[in-house]
mmCIF file of all heavy atoms, coordinates in Angstrom:
data_MODEL
# 
_entry.id   MODEL 
# 
loop_
_atom_site.group_PDB 
_atom_site.id 
_atom_site.type_symbol 
_atom_site.label_atom_id 
_atom_site.label_alt_id 
_atom_site.label_comp_id 
_atom_site.label_asym_id 
_atom_site.label_entity_id 
_atom_site.label_seq_id 
_atom_site.pdbx_PDB_ins_code 
_atom_site.Cartn_x 
_atom_site.Cartn_y 
_atom_site.Cartn_z 
_atom_site.occupancy 
_atom_site.B_iso_or_equiv 
_atom_site.pdbx_formal_charge 
_atom_site.auth_seq_id 
_atom_site.auth_comp_id 
_atom_site.auth_asym_id 
_atom_site.auth_atom_id 
_atom_site.pdbx_PDB_model_num 
ATOM 1   N N   . VAL A 1 1  ? 2.414  -13.273 -3.810  1.00 0.00 ? 1  VAL A N   1 
ATOM 2   C CA  . VAL A 1 1  ? 1.429  -12.263 -3.314  1.00 0.00 ? 1  VAL A CA  1 
ATOM 3   C C   . VAL A 1 1  ? 2.343  -10.991 -2.831  1.00 0.00 ? 1  VAL A C   1 
ATOM 4   O O   . VAL A 1 1  ? 3.432  -11.104 -2.553  1.00 0.00 ? 1  VAL A O   1 
ATOM 5   C CB  . VAL A 1 1  ? 0.575  -12.771 -2.095  1.00 0.00 ? 1  VAL A CB  1 
ATOM 6   C CG1 . VAL A 1 1  ? -0.174 -14.040 -2.518  1.00 0.00 ? 1  VAL A CG1 1 
ATOM 7   C CG2 . VAL A 1 1  ? 1.472  -13.049 -0.981  1.00 0.00 ? 1  VAL A CG2 1 
ATOM 8   N N   . PHE A 1 2  ? 1.542  -9.880  -2.848  1.00 0.00 ? 2  PHE A N   1 
ATOM 9   C CA  . PHE A 1 2  ? 1.859  -8.792  -2.057  1.00 0.00 ? 2  PHE A CA  1 
ATOM 10  C C   . PHE A 1 2  ? 1.265  -8.818  -0.733  1.00 0.00 ? 2  PHE A C   1 
ATOM 11  O O   . PHE A 1 2  ? 0.182  -9.500  -0.495  1.00 0.00 ? 2  PHE A O   1 
ATOM 12  C CB  . PHE A 1 2  ? 1.389  -7.528  -2.713  1.00 0.00 ? 2  PHE A CB  1 
ATOM 13  C CG  . PHE A 1 2  ? 2.217  -7.122  -3.950  1.00 0.00 ? 2  PHE A CG  1 
ATOM 14  C CD1 . PHE A 1 2  ? 1.655  -7.401  -5.230  1.00 0.00 ? 2  PHE A CD1 1 
ATOM 15  C CD2 . PHE A 1 2  ? 3.360  -6.423  -3.974  1.00 0.00 ? 2  PHE A CD2 1 
ATOM 16  C CE1 . PHE A 1 2  ? 2.290  -7.033  -6.409  1.00 0.00 ? 2  PHE A CE1 1 
ATOM 17  C CE2 . PHE A 1 2  ? 4.050  -6.031  -5.073  1.00 0.00 ? 2  PHE A CE2 1 
ATOM 18  C CZ  . PHE A 1 2  ? 3.523  -6.409  -6.352  1.00 0.00 ? 2  PHE A CZ  1 
ATOM 19  N N   . CYS A 1 3  ? 1.873  -8.251  0.273   1.00 0.00 ? 3  CYS A N   1 
ATOM 20  C CA  . CYS A 1 3  ? 1.307  -8.311  1.653   1.00 0.00 ? 3  CYS A CA  1 
ATOM 21  C C   . CYS A 1 3  ? 1.562  -7.042  2.337   1.00 0.00 ? 3  CYS A C   1 
ATOM 22  O O   . CYS A 1 3  ? 2.773  -6.483  2.352   1.00 0.00 ? 3  CYS A O   1 
ATOM 23  C CB  . CYS A 1 3  ? 1.777  -9.450  2.432   1.00 0.00 ? 3  CYS A CB  1 
ATOM 24  S SG  . CYS A 1 3  ? 1.003  -9.582  4.029   1.00 0.00 ? 3  CYS A SG  1 
ATOM 25  N N   . GLY A 1 4  ? 0.580  -6.344  2.987   1.00 0.00 ? 4  GLY A N   1 
ATOM 26  C CA  . GLY A 1 4  ? 0.760  -5.123  3.701   1.00 0.00 ? 4  GLY A CA  1 
ATOM 27  C C   . GLY A 1 4  ? -0.512 -4.859  4.490   1.00 0.00 ? 4  GLY A C   1 
ATOM 28  O O   . GLY A 1 4  ? -1.277 -5.794  4.714   1.00 0.00 ? 4  GLY A O   1 
ATOM 29  N N   . THR A 1 5  ? -0.699 -3.650  4.978   1.00 0.00 ? 5  THR A N   1 
ATOM 30  C CA  . THR A 1 5  ? -1.894 -3.276  5.753   1.00 0.00 ? 5  THR A CA  1 
ATOM 31  C C   . THR A 1 5  ? -3.004 -2.972  4.757   1.00 0.00 ? 5  THR A C   1 
ATOM 32  O O   . THR A 1 5  ? -2.772 -2.589  3.606   1.00 0.00 ? 5  THR A O   1 
ATOM 33  C CB  . THR A 1 5  ? -1.530 -2.215  6.723   1.00 0.00 ? 5  THR A CB  1 
ATOM 34  O OG1 . THR A 1 5  ? -1.158 -1.013  6.042   1.00 0.00 ? 5  THR A OG1 1 
ATOM 35  C CG2 . THR A 1 5  ? -0.365 -2.636  7.757   1.00 0.00 ? 5  THR A CG2 1 
ATOM 36  N N   . GLU A 1 6  ? -4.206 -2.645  5.313   1.00 0.00 ? 6  GLU A N   1 
ATOM 37  C CA  . GLU A 1 6  ? -5.266 -2.172  4.613   1.00 0.00 ? 6  GLU A CA  1 
ATOM 38  C C   . GLU A 1 6  ? -4.894 -0.737  4.055   1.00 0.00 ? 6  GLU A C   1 
ATOM 39  O O   . GLU A 1 6  ? -5.191 -0.375  2.930   1.00 0.00 ? 6  GLU A O   1 
ATOM 40  C CB  . GLU A 1 6  ? -6.428 -2.041  5.473   1.00 0.00 ? 6  GLU A CB  1 
ATOM 41  C CG  . GLU A 1 6  ? -7.744 -1.689  4.646   1.00 0.00 ? 6  GLU A CG  1 
ATOM 42  C CD  . GLU A 1 6  ? -8.472 -2.887  4.076   1.00 0.00 ? 6  GLU A CD  1 
ATOM 43  O OE1 . GLU A 1 6  ? -8.207 -3.953  4.613   1.00 0.00 ? 6  GLU A OE1 1 
ATOM 44  O OE2 . GLU A 1 6  ? -9.123 -2.713  3.021   1.00 0.00 ? 6  GLU A OE2 1 
ATOM 45  N N   . VAL A 1 7  ? -4.141 0.156   4.819   1.00 0.00 ? 7  VAL A N   1 
ATOM 46  C CA  . VAL A 1 7  ? -3.779 1.401   4.398   1.00 0.00 ? 7  VAL A CA  1 
ATOM 47  C C   . VAL A 1 7  ? -2.730 1.356   3.264   1.00 0.00 ? 7  VAL A C   1 
ATOM 48  O O   . VAL A 1 7  ? -2.948 2.122   2.275   1.00 0.00 ? 7  VAL A O   1 
ATOM 49  C CB  . VAL A 1 7  ? -3.151 2.166   5.550   1.00 0.00 ? 7  VAL A CB  1 
ATOM 50  C CG1 . VAL A 1 7  ? -2.507 3.549   5.140   1.00 0.00 ? 7  VAL A CG1 1 
ATOM 51  C CG2 . VAL A 1 7  ? -4.238 2.523   6.681   1.00 0.00 ? 7  VAL A CG2 1 
ATOM 52  N N   . SER A 1 8  ? -1.880 0.379   3.280   1.00 0.00 ? 8  SER A N   1 
ATOM 53  C CA  . SER A 1 8  ? -0.856 0.350   2.144   1.00 0.00 ? 8  SER A CA  1 
ATOM 54  C C   . SER A 1 8  ? -1.520 -0.137  0.873   1.00 0.00 ? 8  SER A C   1 
ATOM 55  O O   . SER A 1 8  ? -1.185 0.307   -0.237  1.00 0.00 ? 8  SER A O   1 
ATOM 56  C CB  . SER A 1 8  ? 0.340  -0.560  2.492   1.00 0.00 ? 8  SER A CB  1 
ATOM 57  O OG  . SER A 1 8  ? -0.116 -1.844  2.587   1.00 0.00 ? 8  SER A OG  1 
ATOM 58  N N   . TYR A 1 9  ? -2.553 -1.038  1.083   1.00 0.00 ? 9  TYR A N   1 
ATOM 59  C CA  . TYR A 1 9  ? -3.373 -1.435  -0.058  1.00 0.00 ? 9  TYR A CA  1 
ATOM 60  C C   . TYR A 1 9  ? -4.084 -0.207  -0.772  1.00 0.00 ? 9  TYR A C   1 
ATOM 61  O O   . TYR A 1 9  ? -4.100 -0.074  -1.973  1.00 0.00 ? 9  TYR A O   1 
ATOM 62  C CB  . TYR A 1 9  ? -4.285 -2.582  0.216   1.00 0.00 ? 9  TYR A CB  1 
ATOM 63  C CG  . TYR A 1 9  ? -5.325 -2.932  -0.806  1.00 0.00 ? 9  TYR A CG  1 
ATOM 64  C CD1 . TYR A 1 9  ? -4.788 -3.550  -2.021  1.00 0.00 ? 9  TYR A CD1 1 
ATOM 65  C CD2 . TYR A 1 9  ? -6.691 -2.548  -0.691  1.00 0.00 ? 9  TYR A CD2 1 
ATOM 66  C CE1 . TYR A 1 9  ? -5.783 -3.842  -2.949  1.00 0.00 ? 9  TYR A CE1 1 
ATOM 67  C CE2 . TYR A 1 9  ? -7.515 -2.878  -1.645  1.00 0.00 ? 9  TYR A CE2 1 
ATOM 68  C CZ  . TYR A 1 9  ? -7.144 -3.637  -2.822  1.00 0.00 ? 9  TYR A CZ  1 
ATOM 69  O OH  . TYR A 1 9  ? -7.927 -3.893  -3.832  1.00 0.00 ? 9  TYR A OH  1 
ATOM 70  N N   . GLN A 1 10 ? -4.767 0.562   0.152   1.00 0.00 ? 10 GLN A N   1 
ATOM 71  C CA  . GLN A 1 10 ? -5.528 1.753   -0.267  1.00 0.00 ? 10 GLN A CA  1 
ATOM 72  C C   . GLN A 1 10 ? -4.631 2.709   -1.020  1.00 0.00 ? 10 GLN A C   1 
ATOM 73  O O   . GLN A 1 10 ? -4.997 3.239   -2.102  1.00 0.00 ? 10 GLN A O   1 
ATOM 74  C CB  . GLN A 1 10 ? -6.153 2.359   0.923   1.00 0.00 ? 10 GLN A CB  1 
ATOM 75  C CG  . GLN A 1 10 ? -7.002 3.594   0.600   1.00 0.00 ? 10 GLN A CG  1 
ATOM 76  C CD  . GLN A 1 10 ? -6.214 4.944   0.691   1.00 0.00 ? 10 GLN A CD  1 
ATOM 77  O OE1 . GLN A 1 10 ? -5.393 5.043   1.585   1.00 0.00 ? 10 GLN A OE1 1 
ATOM 78  N NE2 . GLN A 1 10 ? -6.390 5.850   -0.116  1.00 0.00 ? 10 GLN A NE2 1 
ATOM 79  N N   . ARG A 1 11 ? -3.359 2.887   -0.562  1.00 0.00 ? 11 ARG A N   1 
ATOM 80  C CA  . ARG A 1 11 ? -2.431 3.782   -1.161  1.00 0.00 ? 11 ARG A CA  1 
ATOM 81  C C   . ARG A 1 11 ? -2.009 3.231   -2.500  1.00 0.00 ? 11 ARG A C   1 
ATOM 82  O O   . ARG A 1 11 ? -1.821 4.071   -3.482  1.00 0.00 ? 11 ARG A O   1 
ATOM 83  C CB  . ARG A 1 11 ? -1.311 4.087   -0.249  1.00 0.00 ? 11 ARG A CB  1 
ATOM 84  C CG  . ARG A 1 11 ? -1.579 4.928   1.101   1.00 0.00 ? 11 ARG A CG  1 
ATOM 85  C CD  . ARG A 1 11 ? -0.494 4.897   1.950   1.00 0.00 ? 11 ARG A CD  1 
ATOM 86  N NE  . ARG A 1 11 ? -0.783 5.785   3.057   1.00 0.00 ? 11 ARG A NE  1 
ATOM 87  C CZ  . ARG A 1 11 ? -0.108 5.755   4.268   1.00 0.00 ? 11 ARG A CZ  1 
ATOM 88  N NH1 . ARG A 1 11 ? 0.900  4.976   4.440   1.00 0.00 ? 11 ARG A NH1 1 
ATOM 89  N NH2 . ARG A 1 11 ? -0.415 6.658   5.194   1.00 0.00 ? 11 ARG A NH2 1 
ATOM 90  N N   . ALA A 1 12 ? -1.825 1.988   -2.526  1.00 0.00 ? 12 ALA A N   1 
ATOM 91  C CA  . ALA A 1 12 ? -1.485 1.399   -3.847  1.00 0.00 ? 12 ALA A CA  1 
ATOM 92  C C   . ALA A 1 12 ? -2.550 1.581   -4.917  1.00 0.00 ? 12 ALA A C   1 
ATOM 93  O O   . ALA A 1 12 ? -2.191 1.874   -6.155  1.00 0.00 ? 12 ALA A O   1 
ATOM 94  C CB  . ALA A 1 12 ? -1.079 -0.118  -3.715  1.00 0.00 ? 12 ALA A CB  1 
ATOM 95  N N   . MET A 1 13 ? -3.677 1.327   -4.545  1.00 0.00 ? 13 MET A N   1 
ATOM 96  C CA  . MET A 1 13 ? -4.827 1.365   -5.456  1.00 0.00 ? 13 MET A CA  1 
ATOM 97  C C   . MET A 1 13 ? -5.110 2.891   -5.926  1.00 0.00 ? 13 MET A C   1 
ATOM 98  O O   . MET A 1 13 ? -5.818 3.210   -6.834  1.00 0.00 ? 13 MET A O   1 
ATOM 99  C CB  . MET A 1 13 ? -6.105 0.837   -4.933  1.00 0.00 ? 13 MET A CB  1 
ATOM 100 C CG  . MET A 1 13 ? -5.950 -0.719  -4.713  1.00 0.00 ? 13 MET A CG  1 
ATOM 101 S SD  . MET A 1 13 ? -5.779 -1.574  -6.289  1.00 0.00 ? 13 MET A SD  1 
ATOM 102 C CE  . MET A 1 13 ? -7.366 -1.347  -7.028  1.00 0.00 ? 13 MET A CE  1 
ATOM 103 N N   . ALA A 1 14 ? -4.643 3.793   -5.072  1.00 0.00 ? 14 ALA A N   1 
ATOM 104 C CA  . ALA A 1 14 ? -4.798 5.306   -5.252  1.00 0.00 ? 14 ALA A CA  1 
ATOM 105 C C   . ALA A 1 14 ? -3.802 5.935   -6.085  1.00 0.00 ? 14 ALA A C   1 
ATOM 106 O O   . ALA A 1 14 ? -3.872 7.147   -6.268  1.00 0.00 ? 14 ALA A O   1 
ATOM 107 C CB  . ALA A 1 14 ? -5.082 5.951   -3.928  1.00 0.00 ? 14 ALA A CB  1 
ATOM 108 N N   . ILE A 1 15 ? -2.804 5.196   -6.569  1.00 0.00 ? 15 ILE A N   1 
ATOM 109 C CA  . ILE A 1 15 ? -1.776 5.750   -7.431  1.00 0.00 ? 15 ILE A CA  1 
ATOM 110 C C   . ILE A 1 15 ? -2.464 6.400   -8.630  1.00 0.00 ? 15 ILE A C   1 
ATOM 111 O O   . ILE A 1 15 ? -3.154 5.697   -9.386  1.00 0.00 ? 15 ILE A O   1 
ATOM 112 C CB  . ILE A 1 15 ? -0.676 4.745   -7.781  1.00 0.00 ? 15 ILE A CB  1 
ATOM 113 C CG1 . ILE A 1 15 ? -0.057 4.212   -6.519  1.00 0.00 ? 15 ILE A CG1 1 
ATOM 114 C CG2 . ILE A 1 15 ? 0.307  5.345   -8.817  1.00 0.00 ? 15 ILE A CG2 1 
ATOM 115 C CD1 . ILE A 1 15 ? 0.884  3.132   -6.876  1.00 0.00 ? 15 ILE A CD1 1 
ATOM 116 N N   . PRO A 1 16 ? -2.299 7.704   -8.871  1.00 0.00 ? 16 PRO A N   1 
ATOM 117 C CA  . PRO A 1 16 ? -3.003 8.294   -10.060 1.00 0.00 ? 16 PRO A CA  1 
ATOM 118 C C   . PRO A 1 16 ? -2.192 8.125   -11.375 1.00 0.00 ? 16 PRO A C   1 
ATOM 119 O O   . PRO A 1 16 ? -1.018 7.690   -11.365 1.00 0.00 ? 16 PRO A O   1 
ATOM 120 C CB  . PRO A 1 16 ? -2.917 9.744   -9.655  1.00 0.00 ? 16 PRO A CB  1 
ATOM 121 C CG  . PRO A 1 16 ? -1.702 9.984   -8.947  1.00 0.00 ? 16 PRO A CG  1 
ATOM 122 C CD  . PRO A 1 16 ? -1.488 8.626   -8.054  1.00 0.00 ? 16 PRO A CD  1 
ATOM 123 N N   . VAL A 1 17 ? -2.956 8.315   -12.389 1.00 0.00 ? 17 VAL A N   1 
ATOM 124 C CA  . VAL A 1 17 ? -2.325 8.308   -13.702 1.00 0.00 ? 17 VAL A CA  1 
ATOM 125 C C   . VAL A 1 17 ? -1.179 9.302   -13.880 1.00 0.00 ? 17 VAL A C   1 
ATOM 126 O O   . VAL A 1 17 ? -0.201 8.963   -14.465 1.00 0.00 ? 17 VAL A O   1 
ATOM 127 C CB  . VAL A 1 17 ? -3.443 8.464   -14.792 1.00 0.00 ? 17 VAL A CB  1 
ATOM 128 C CG1 . VAL A 1 17 ? -2.796 8.606   -16.156 1.00 0.00 ? 17 VAL A CG1 1 
ATOM 129 C CG2 . VAL A 1 17 ? -4.455 7.251   -14.815 1.00 0.00 ? 17 VAL A CG2 1 
ATOM 130 N N   . GLY A 1 18 ? -1.384 10.457  -13.389 1.00 0.00 ? 18 GLY A N   1 
ATOM 131 C CA  . GLY A 1 18 ? -0.407 11.591  -13.355 1.00 0.00 ? 18 GLY A CA  1 
ATOM 132 C C   . GLY A 1 18 ? -0.630 12.646  -12.401 1.00 0.00 ? 18 GLY A C   1 
ATOM 133 O O   . GLY A 1 18 ? -1.716 12.685  -11.733 1.00 0.00 ? 18 GLY A O   1 
ATOM 134 N N   . THR A 1 19 ? 0.293  13.531  -12.251 1.00 0.00 ? 19 THR A N   1 
ATOM 135 C CA  . THR A 1 19 ? 0.099  14.615  -11.275 1.00 0.00 ? 19 THR A CA  1 
ATOM 136 C C   . THR A 1 19 ? -1.112 15.541  -11.573 1.00 0.00 ? 19 THR A C   1 
ATOM 137 O O   . THR A 1 19 ? -1.750 16.050  -10.655 1.00 0.00 ? 19 THR A O   1 
ATOM 138 C CB  . THR A 1 19 ? 1.350  15.425  -11.219 1.00 0.00 ? 19 THR A CB  1 
ATOM 139 O OG1 . THR A 1 19 ? 1.674  15.945  -12.524 1.00 0.00 ? 19 THR A OG1 1 
ATOM 140 C CG2 . THR A 1 19 ? 2.563  14.672  -10.814 1.00 0.00 ? 19 THR A CG2 1 
ATOM 141 N N   . SER A 1 20 ? -1.474 15.605  -12.796 1.00 0.00 ? 20 SER A N   1 
ATOM 142 C CA  . SER A 1 20 ? -2.657 16.365  -13.177 1.00 0.00 ? 20 SER A CA  1 
ATOM 143 C C   . SER A 1 20 ? -3.831 15.575  -13.651 1.00 0.00 ? 20 SER A C   1 
ATOM 144 O O   . SER A 1 20 ? -4.796 15.999  -14.268 1.00 0.00 ? 20 SER A O   1 
ATOM 145 C CB  . SER A 1 20 ? -2.302 17.452  -14.324 1.00 0.00 ? 20 SER A CB  1 
ATOM 146 O OG  . SER A 1 20 ? -1.818 16.730  -15.455 1.00 0.00 ? 20 SER A OG  1 
ATOM 147 N N   . ASP A 1 21 ? -3.677 14.205  -13.448 1.00 0.00 ? 21 ASP A N   1 
ATOM 148 C CA  . ASP A 1 21 ? -4.803 13.215  -13.824 1.00 0.00 ? 21 ASP A CA  1 
ATOM 149 C C   . ASP A 1 21 ? -5.162 12.482  -12.683 1.00 0.00 ? 21 ASP A C   1 
ATOM 150 O O   . ASP A 1 21 ? -4.470 11.506  -12.332 1.00 0.00 ? 21 ASP A O   1 
ATOM 151 C CB  . ASP A 1 21 ? -4.348 12.339  -15.024 1.00 0.00 ? 21 ASP A CB  1 
ATOM 152 C CG  . ASP A 1 21 ? -5.449 11.594  -15.674 1.00 0.00 ? 21 ASP A CG  1 
ATOM 153 O OD1 . ASP A 1 21 ? -6.500 11.338  -14.911 1.00 0.00 ? 21 ASP A OD1 1 
ATOM 154 O OD2 . ASP A 1 21 ? -5.294 11.182  -16.841 1.00 0.00 ? 21 ASP A OD2 1 
ATOM 155 N N   . ALA A 1 22 ? -6.278 12.674  -11.987 1.00 0.00 ? 22 ALA A N   1 
ATOM 156 C CA  . ALA A 1 22 ? -6.611 12.009  -10.785 1.00 0.00 ? 22 ALA A CA  1 
ATOM 157 C C   . ALA A 1 22 ? -7.183 10.601  -11.063 1.00 0.00 ? 22 ALA A C   1 
ATOM 158 O O   . ALA A 1 22 ? -7.525 9.924   -10.089 1.00 0.00 ? 22 ALA A O   1 
ATOM 159 C CB  . ALA A 1 22 ? -7.702 12.795  -10.090 1.00 0.00 ? 22 ALA A CB  1 
ATOM 160 N N   . ARG A 1 23 ? -7.355 10.100  -12.258 1.00 0.00 ? 23 ARG A N   1 
ATOM 161 C CA  . ARG A 1 23 ? -7.831 8.769   -12.417 1.00 0.00 ? 23 ARG A CA  1 
ATOM 162 C C   . ARG A 1 23 ? -6.821 7.716   -11.895 1.00 0.00 ? 23 ARG A C   1 
ATOM 163 O O   . ARG A 1 23 ? -5.609 8.065   -11.875 1.00 0.00 ? 23 ARG A O   1 
ATOM 164 C CB  . ARG A 1 23 ? -8.014 8.475   -14.064 1.00 0.00 ? 23 ARG A CB  1 
ATOM 165 C CG  . ARG A 1 23 ? -9.182 9.181   -14.731 1.00 0.00 ? 23 ARG A CG  1 
ATOM 166 C CD  . ARG A 1 23 ? -9.071 9.002   -16.255 1.00 0.00 ? 23 ARG A CD  1 
ATOM 167 N NE  . ARG A 1 23 ? -7.871 9.384   -16.850 1.00 0.00 ? 23 ARG A NE  1 
ATOM 168 C CZ  . ARG A 1 23 ? -7.509 9.018   -18.012 1.00 0.00 ? 23 ARG A CZ  1 
ATOM 169 N NH1 . ARG A 1 23 ? -8.288 8.246   -18.701 1.00 0.00 ? 23 ARG A NH1 1 
ATOM 170 N NH2 . ARG A 1 23 ? -6.433 9.480   -18.528 1.00 0.00 ? 23 ARG A NH2 1 
ATOM 171 N N   . ARG A 1 24 ? -7.333 6.694   -11.473 1.00 0.00 ? 24 ARG A N   1 
ATOM 172 C CA  . ARG A 1 24 ? -6.448 5.754   -10.769 1.00 0.00 ? 24 ARG A CA  1 
ATOM 173 C C   . ARG A 1 24 ? -5.825 4.792   -11.865 1.00 0.00 ? 24 ARG A C   1 
ATOM 174 O O   . ARG A 1 24 ? -6.419 4.316   -12.800 1.00 0.00 ? 24 ARG A O   1 
ATOM 175 C CB  . ARG A 1 24 ? -7.294 4.809   -9.861  1.00 0.00 ? 24 ARG A CB  1 
ATOM 176 C CG  . ARG A 1 24 ? -7.769 5.442   -8.545  1.00 0.00 ? 24 ARG A CG  1 
ATOM 177 C CD  . ARG A 1 24 ? -7.161 6.730   -8.236  1.00 0.00 ? 24 ARG A CD  1 
ATOM 178 N NE  . ARG A 1 24 ? -7.423 7.260   -6.892  1.00 0.00 ? 24 ARG A NE  1 
ATOM 179 C CZ  . ARG A 1 24 ? -7.110 8.538   -6.522  1.00 0.00 ? 24 ARG A CZ  1 
ATOM 180 N NH1 . ARG A 1 24 ? -6.657 9.364   -7.409  1.00 0.00 ? 24 ARG A NH1 1 
ATOM 181 N NH2 . ARG A 1 24 ? -7.310 8.867   -5.299  1.00 0.00 ? 24 ARG A NH2 1 
ATOM 182 N N   . LEU A 1 25 ? -4.531 4.608   -11.601 1.00 0.00 ? 25 LEU A N   1 
ATOM 183 C CA  . LEU A 1 25 ? -3.706 3.845   -12.635 1.00 0.00 ? 25 LEU A CA  1 
ATOM 184 C C   . LEU A 1 25 ? -4.159 2.471   -12.813 1.00 0.00 ? 25 LEU A C   1 
ATOM 185 O O   . LEU A 1 25 ? -4.111 1.851   -13.971 1.00 0.00 ? 25 LEU A O   1 
ATOM 186 C CB  . LEU A 1 25 ? -2.190 3.954   -12.218 1.00 0.00 ? 25 LEU A CB  1 
ATOM 187 C CG  . LEU A 1 25 ? -1.140 3.277   -13.183 1.00 0.00 ? 25 LEU A CG  1 
ATOM 188 C CD1 . LEU A 1 25 ? -1.199 4.228   -14.422 1.00 0.00 ? 25 LEU A CD1 1 
ATOM 189 C CD2 . LEU A 1 25 ? 0.229  3.354   -12.481 1.00 0.00 ? 25 LEU A CD2 1 
ATOM 190 N N   . TYR A 1 26 ? -4.581 1.762   -11.674 1.00 0.00 ? 26 TYR A N   1 
ATOM 191 C CA  . TYR A 1 26 ? -4.903 0.370   -11.815 1.00 0.00 ? 26 TYR A CA  1 
ATOM 192 C C   . TYR A 1 26 ? -6.484 0.257   -11.860 1.00 0.00 ? 26 TYR A C   1 
ATOM 193 O O   . TYR A 1 26 ? -6.979 -0.620  -11.264 1.00 0.00 ? 26 TYR A O   1 
ATOM 194 C CB  . TYR A 1 26 ? -4.405 -0.430  -10.561 1.00 0.00 ? 26 TYR A CB  1 
ATOM 195 C CG  . TYR A 1 26 ? -3.092 -0.979  -10.954 1.00 0.00 ? 26 TYR A CG  1 
ATOM 196 C CD1 . TYR A 1 26 ? -1.908 -0.163  -10.831 1.00 0.00 ? 26 TYR A CD1 1 
ATOM 197 C CD2 . TYR A 1 26 ? -2.840 -2.187  -11.588 1.00 0.00 ? 26 TYR A CD2 1 
ATOM 198 C CE1 . TYR A 1 26 ? -0.661 -0.601  -11.270 1.00 0.00 ? 26 TYR A CE1 1 
ATOM 199 C CE2 . TYR A 1 26 ? -1.722 -2.580  -11.945 1.00 0.00 ? 26 TYR A CE2 1 
ATOM 200 C CZ  . TYR A 1 26 ? -0.534 -1.810  -11.837 1.00 0.00 ? 26 TYR A CZ  1 
ATOM 201 O OH  . TYR A 1 26 ? 0.690  -2.353  -12.164 1.00 0.00 ? 26 TYR A OH  1 
# 
């Protein structure tokens, strides 16, 4: 498993496809 806080999970899920593409990578 990964383990972190709710904030770190939110940041992981918010990783974008690219700097000019706001779609989420995952």
